[in-house]
Amino acid sequence: MTLPRGLTRRDFFMKLGILFNGIAASILAVPIVRYLLSPVTRERKAGYDSWIPLGNLEQFPSGETRLATYRNPVVNSWDGDTADIACWVRNVDGQTFQVFAINCAHLGCPVRWFPQSGLFMCPCHGGAYYQDGSRASGPPERGLFEYTYRIDDGKILIKAGEMPTPGQASNIVREIRPCV
């Protein structure tokens, strides 16, 4: 069977198949291209570089570690209570502080502070950290992640829009040495 203009049935379906494949490829390419270009086209949200107050210095007595919460500055309207983030604040000597992310460096489970033993303990896989956030035992390969903090007008503030990562942690394993 020959179609008008000398186009065979086989050629017609071949061109129709190529057209549909091109449309499907274009539809699938849109999210891939958006993902690849997102660092270039996406602007940072307003709260990303903000300093968030955790509370007055009186709330964190010298030599103690306390739980504090803050509202994530980079939130969406549907985040609800999940935008409230907990952290541990350690007052070392009345003037020096350490603010730890609540998540274990192994798999991100929330760690608890046990003042009796002076350890942060992870309930998931038995990870333990000393009071300064360094690794004590268990599967975590490094210490707890720390937030950058500053003191302003009697309040402790943290740079919360930027979550602590291994590149910013102060207790990173710097080298691995064989046991002798």
C-alpha atoms as a PDB file:
ATOM      1  CA  MET A   1       0.000   0.000   0.000  1.00  0.00           C
ATOM      2  CA  THR A   2       1.364   3.380  -0.992  1.00  0.00           C
ATOM      3  CA  LEU A   3       0.272   6.596   0.640  1.00  0.00           C
ATOM      4  CA  PRO A   4       0.139   9.960  -1.146  1.00  0.00           C
ATOM      5  CA  ARG A   5       3.443  11.641  -2.047  1.00  0.00           C
ATOM      6  CA  GLY A   6       5.243   8.311  -2.426  1.00  0.00           C
ATOM      7  CA  LEU A   7       5.262   7.572   1.352  1.00  0.00           C
ATOM      8  CA  THR A   8       4.972   3.872   2.169  1.00  0.00           C
ATOM      9  CA  ARG A   9       3.069   2.570   5.130  1.00  0.00           C
ATOM     10  CA  ARG A  10       6.309   1.390   6.728  1.00  0.00           C
ATOM     11  CA  ASP A  11       7.905   4.847   6.364  1.00  0.00           C
ATOM     12  CA  PHE A  12       4.786   6.515   7.789  1.00  0.00           C
ATOM     13  CA  PHE A  13       4.805   4.396  10.965  1.00  0.00           C
ATOM     14  CA  MET A  14       8.579   4.785  11.297  1.00  0.00           C
ATOM     15  CA  LYS A  15       8.251   8.582  11.239  1.00  0.00           C
ATOM     16  CA  LEU A  16       5.268   8.436  13.619  1.00  0.00           C
ATOM     17  CA  GLY A  17       7.295   6.262  16.030  1.00  0.00           C
ATOM     18  CA  ILE A  18      10.238   8.661  15.878  1.00  0.00           C
ATOM     19  CA  LEU A  19       7.881  11.577  16.599  1.00  0.00           C
ATOM     20  CA  PHE A  20       6.364   9.851  19.671  1.00  0.00           C
ATOM     21  CA  ASN A  21       9.814   8.820  20.950  1.00  0.00           C
ATOM     22  CA  GLY A  22      11.001  12.412  20.542  1.00  0.00           C
ATOM     23  CA  ILE A  23       8.017  13.711  22.519  1.00  0.00           C
ATOM     24  CA  ALA A  24       8.596  11.131  25.294  1.00  0.00           C
ATOM     25  CA  ALA A  25      12.328  11.967  25.420  1.00  0.00           C
ATOM     26  CA  SER A  26      11.546  15.680  25.669  1.00  0.00           C
ATOM     27  CA  ILE A  27       9.121  15.101  28.539  1.00  0.00           C
ATOM     28  CA  LEU A  28      11.670  12.966  30.391  1.00  0.00           C
ATOM     29  CA  ALA A  29      14.481  15.443  29.728  1.00  0.00           C
ATOM     30  CA  VAL A  30      12.735  18.382  31.420  1.00  0.00           C
ATOM     31  CA  PRO A  31      13.246  17.191  35.048  1.00  0.00           C
ATOM     32  CA  ILE A  32      16.778  16.022  34.295  1.00  0.00           C
ATOM     33  CA  VAL A  33      17.764  19.378  32.817  1.00  0.00           C
ATOM     34  CA  ARG A  34      16.088  21.240  35.709  1.00  0.00           C
ATOM     35  CA  TYR A  35      18.045  19.107  38.194  1.00  0.00           C
ATOM     36  CA  LEU A  36      21.331  19.769  36.427  1.00  0.00           C
ATOM     37  CA  LEU A  37      20.713  23.513  36.206  1.00  0.00           C
ATOM     38  CA  SER A  38      19.192  23.947  39.681  1.00  0.00           C
ATOM     39  CA  PRO A  39      22.391  25.160  41.395  1.00  0.00           C
ATOM     40  CA  VAL A  40      22.622  27.922  38.800  1.00  0.00           C
ATOM     41  CA  THR A  41      18.969  28.966  38.724  1.00  0.00           C
ATOM     42  CA  ARG A  42      17.976  28.464  42.371  1.00  0.00           C
ATOM     43  CA  GLU A  43      18.520  31.365  44.727  1.00  0.00           C
ATOM     44  CA  ARG A  44      19.119  30.851  48.422  1.00  0.00           C
ATOM     45  CA  LYS A  45      16.204  31.454  50.737  1.00  0.00           C
ATOM     46  CA  ALA A  46      16.335  34.528  52.936  1.00  0.00           C
ATOM     47  CA  GLY A  47      17.048  32.735  56.227  1.00  0.00           C
ATOM     48  CA  TYR A  48      19.950  30.648  54.999  1.00  0.00           C
ATOM     49  CA  ASP A  49      22.679  32.910  56.393  1.00  0.00           C
ATOM     50  CA  SER A  50      20.771  34.082  59.463  1.00  0.00           C
ATOM     51  CA  TRP A  51      21.740  33.802  63.108  1.00  0.00           C
ATOM     52  CA  ILE A  52      19.030  32.184  65.259  1.00  0.00           C
ATOM     53  CA  PRO A  53      18.784  32.811  69.039  1.00  0.00           C
ATOM     54  CA  LEU A  54      18.705  29.754  71.297  1.00  0.00           C
ATOM     55  CA  GLY A  55      18.059  31.658  74.493  1.00  0.00           C
ATOM     56  CA  ASN A  56      19.625  33.779  77.209  1.00  0.00           C
ATOM     57  CA  LEU A  57      22.974  32.781  78.662  1.00  0.00           C
ATOM     58  CA  GLU A  58      21.281  32.216  82.059  1.00  0.00           C
ATOM     59  CA  GLN A  59      19.409  29.254  80.543  1.00  0.00           C
ATOM     60  CA  PHE A  60      22.714  27.423  80.094  1.00  0.00           C
ATOM     61  CA  PRO A  61      24.570  27.221  83.447  1.00  0.00           C
ATOM     62  CA  SER A  62      28.335  26.828  83.459  1.00  0.00           C
ATOM     63  CA  GLY A  63      29.524  23.230  83.225  1.00  0.00           C
ATOM     64  CA  GLU A  64      26.155  21.877  82.092  1.00  0.00           C
ATOM     65  CA  THR A  65      24.684  20.610  78.848  1.00  0.00           C
ATOM     66  CA  ARG A  66      21.087  21.519  78.021  1.00  0.00           C
ATOM     67  CA  LEU A  67      18.652  20.790  75.227  1.00  0.00           C
ATOM     68  CA  ALA A  68      17.522  23.777  73.173  1.00  0.00           C
ATOM     69  CA  THR A  69      15.223  24.097  70.166  1.00  0.00           C
ATOM     70  CA  TYR A  70      14.991  26.607  67.356  1.00  0.00           C
ATOM     71  CA  ARG A  71      12.831  27.130  64.298  1.00  0.00           C
ATOM     72  CA  ASN A  72      14.606  26.290  61.058  1.00  0.00           C
ATOM     73  CA  PRO A  73      14.951  29.563  59.118  1.00  0.00           C
ATOM     74  CA  VAL A  74      14.679  27.750  55.780  1.00  0.00           C
ATOM     75  CA  VAL A  75      11.158  26.330  55.978  1.00  0.00           C
ATOM     76  CA  ASN A  76       8.208  25.739  53.728  1.00  0.00           C
ATOM     77  CA  SER A  77       4.619  26.451  54.705  1.00  0.00           C
ATOM     78  CA  TRP A  78       3.847  22.721  54.968  1.00  0.00           C
ATOM     79  CA  ASP A  79       6.741  21.859  57.329  1.00  0.00           C
ATOM     80  CA  GLY A  80       4.732  22.396  60.513  1.00  0.00           C
ATOM     81  CA  ASP A  81       6.360  21.077  63.710  1.00  0.00           C
ATOM     82  CA  THR A  82       9.097  19.313  61.763  1.00  0.00           C
ATOM     83  CA  ALA A  83      10.758  22.711  61.284  1.00  0.00           C
ATOM     84  CA  ASP A  84      11.479  22.846  65.033  1.00  0.00           C
ATOM     85  CA  ILE A  85      15.005  21.499  65.437  1.00  0.00           C
ATOM     86  CA  ALA A  86      16.659  20.434  68.682  1.00  0.00           C
ATOM     87  CA  CYS A  87      20.324  20.862  69.582  1.00  0.00           C
ATOM     88  CA  TRP A  88      22.533  20.376  72.629  1.00  0.00           C
ATOM     89  CA  VAL A  89      24.166  23.449  74.176  1.00  0.00           C
ATOM     90  CA  ARG A  90      27.205  22.857  76.400  1.00  0.00           C
ATOM     91  CA  ASN A  91      28.487  25.706  78.541  1.00  0.00           C
ATOM     92  CA  VAL A  92      32.130  24.771  79.007  1.00  0.00           C
ATOM     93  CA  ASP A  93      33.349  27.454  81.420  1.00  0.00           C
ATOM     94  CA  GLY A  94      30.796  30.246  81.501  1.00  0.00           C
ATOM     95  CA  GLN A  95      32.200  31.995  78.431  1.00  0.00           C
ATOM     96  CA  THR A  96      32.898  29.186  75.977  1.00  0.00           C
ATOM     97  CA  PHE A  97      30.067  27.167  74.470  1.00  0.00           C
ATOM     98  CA  GLN A  98      29.640  24.188  72.203  1.00  0.00           C
ATOM     99  CA  VAL A  99      26.403  23.684  70.271  1.00  0.00           C
ATOM    100  CA  PHE A 100      25.943  20.173  68.918  1.00  0.00           C
ATOM    101  CA  ALA A 101      23.480  18.900  66.360  1.00  0.00           C
ATOM    102  CA  ILE A 102      21.198  16.387  68.018  1.00  0.00           C
ATOM    103  CA  ASN A 103      21.827  13.803  65.302  1.00  0.00           C
ATOM    104  CA  CYS A 104      24.350  10.997  65.585  1.00  0.00           C
ATOM    105  CA  ALA A 105      27.165  11.201  63.045  1.00  0.00           C
ATOM    106  CA  HIS A 106      26.568   7.560  62.086  1.00  0.00           C
ATOM    107  CA  LEU A 107      22.976   7.397  60.800  1.00  0.00           C
ATOM    108  CA  GLY A 108      21.381  10.549  62.176  1.00  0.00           C
ATOM    109  CA  CYS A 109      19.438   9.103  65.109  1.00  0.00           C
ATOM    110  CA  PRO A 110      18.833  11.630  67.906  1.00  0.00           C
ATOM    111  CA  VAL A 111      21.412  11.359  70.691  1.00  0.00           C
ATOM    112  CA  ARG A 112      20.582  11.854  74.375  1.00  0.00           C
ATOM    113  CA  TRP A 113      22.735  13.456  77.030  1.00  0.00           C
ATOM    114  CA  PHE A 114      23.374  11.460  80.214  1.00  0.00           C
ATOM    115  CA  PRO A 115      24.893  13.759  82.851  1.00  0.00           C
ATOM    116  CA  GLN A 116      25.592  10.819  85.214  1.00  0.00           C
ATOM    117  CA  SER A 117      28.143   9.349  82.815  1.00  0.00           C
ATOM    118  CA  GLY A 118      28.998  12.553  80.967  1.00  0.00           C
ATOM    119  CA  LEU A 119      28.175  10.909  77.617  1.00  0.00           C
ATOM    120  CA  PHE A 120      25.912  11.460  74.656  1.00  0.00           C
ATOM    121  CA  MET A 121      24.381   8.114  73.729  1.00  0.00           C
ATOM    122  CA  CYS A 122      22.761   7.045  70.471  1.00  0.00           C
ATOM    123  CA  PRO A 123      19.937   4.508  70.905  1.00  0.00           C
ATOM    124  CA  CYS A 124      20.129   3.091  67.376  1.00  0.00           C
ATOM    125  CA  HIS A 125      23.512   1.370  67.199  1.00  0.00           C
ATOM    126  CA  GLY A 126      25.169   2.123  70.530  1.00  0.00           C
ATOM    127  CA  GLY A 127      27.244   5.119  69.480  1.00  0.00           C
ATOM    128  CA  ALA A 128      28.680   7.123  72.360  1.00  0.00           C
ATOM    129  CA  TYR A 129      30.265  10.563  72.489  1.00  0.00           C
ATOM    130  CA  TYR A 130      32.167  12.357  75.235  1.00  0.00           C
ATOM    131  CA  GLN A 131      30.836  15.621  76.659  1.00  0.00           C
ATOM    132  CA  ASP A 132      33.008  17.610  74.227  1.00  0.00           C
ATOM    133  CA  GLY A 133      31.305  15.849  71.297  1.00  0.00           C
ATOM    134  CA  SER A 134      34.246  13.651  70.343  1.00  0.00           C
ATOM    135  CA  ARG A 135      33.651   9.994  69.537  1.00  0.00           C
ATOM    136  CA  ALA A 136      33.852   7.629  72.517  1.00  0.00           C
ATOM    137  CA  SER A 137      32.781   4.284  71.025  1.00  0.00           C
ATOM    138  CA  GLY A 138      30.461   2.523  68.641  1.00  0.00           C
ATOM    139  CA  PRO A 139      30.002   2.738  64.881  1.00  0.00           C
ATOM    140  CA  PRO A 140      30.277   6.532  64.376  1.00  0.00           C
ATOM    141  CA  GLU A 141      33.587   7.397  62.753  1.00  0.00           C
ATOM    142  CA  ARG A 142      33.672  10.990  64.004  1.00  0.00           C
ATOM    143  CA  GLY A 143      32.311  13.229  66.730  1.00  0.00           C
ATOM    144  CA  LEU A 144      29.040  15.117  66.852  1.00  0.00           C
ATOM    145  CA  PHE A 145      28.514  17.923  64.366  1.00  0.00           C
ATOM    146  CA  GLU A 146      28.834  21.421  65.820  1.00  0.00           C
ATOM    147  CA  TYR A 147      27.061  24.638  64.937  1.00  0.00           C
ATOM    148  CA  THR A 148      28.907  27.912  64.645  1.00  0.00           C
ATOM    149  CA  TYR A 149      27.806  30.143  67.514  1.00  0.00           C
ATOM    150  CA  ARG A 150      28.221  33.688  68.790  1.00  0.00           C
ATOM    151  CA  ILE A 151      27.103  35.623  71.847  1.00  0.00           C
ATOM    152  CA  ASP A 152      25.215  38.875  71.329  1.00  0.00           C
ATOM    153  CA  ASP A 153      23.407  40.976  73.975  1.00  0.00           C
ATOM    154  CA  GLY A 154      23.410  38.165  76.529  1.00  0.00           C
ATOM    155  CA  LYS A 155      21.969  35.612  74.104  1.00  0.00           C
ATOM    156  CA  ILE A 156      23.578  32.687  72.357  1.00  0.00           C
ATOM    157  CA  LEU A 157      22.954  32.571  68.611  1.00  0.00           C
ATOM    158  CA  ILE A 158      23.777  29.882  66.079  1.00  0.00           C
ATOM    159  CA  LYS A 159      24.154  29.936  62.329  1.00  0.00           C
ATOM    160  CA  ALA A 160      21.295  27.538  61.762  1.00  0.00           C
ATOM    161  CA  GLY A 161      20.438  27.841  58.072  1.00  0.00           C
ATOM    162  CA  GLU A 162      23.621  26.007  57.221  1.00  0.00           C
ATOM    163  CA  MET A 163      23.451  22.558  58.774  1.00  0.00           C
ATOM    164  CA  PRO A 164      26.712  21.199  60.172  1.00  0.00           C
ATOM    165  CA  THR A 165      28.358  18.656  57.897  1.00  0.00           C
ATOM    166  CA  PRO A 166      31.546  16.606  58.062  1.00  0.00           C
ATOM    167  CA  GLY A 167      33.458  19.397  56.330  1.00  0.00           C
ATOM    168  CA  GLN A 168      32.557  21.819  59.127  1.00  0.00           C
ATOM    169  CA  ALA A 169      32.765  19.511  62.137  1.00  0.00           C
ATOM    170  CA  SER A 170      35.554  20.115  64.595  1.00  0.00           C
ATOM    171  CA  ASN A 171      35.950  16.455  65.518  1.00  0.00           C
ATOM    172  CA  ILE A 172      36.642  14.930  62.111  1.00  0.00           C
ATOM    173  CA  VAL A 173      38.852  11.880  61.844  1.00  0.00           C
ATOM    174  CA  ARG A 174      41.889  13.463  60.212  1.00  0.00           C
ATOM    175  CA  GLU A 175      43.858  10.300  59.552  1.00  0.00           C
ATOM    176  CA  ILE A 176      43.609   6.570  60.027  1.00  0.00           C
ATOM    177  CA  ARG A 177      46.598   4.905  61.625  1.00  0.00           C
ATOM    178  CA  PRO A 178      47.143   1.162  61.900  1.00  0.00           C
ATOM    179  CA  CYS A 179      47.104  -0.350  65.395  1.00  0.00           C
ATOM    180  CA  VAL A 180      50.551  -1.377  66.559  1.00  0.00           C
END
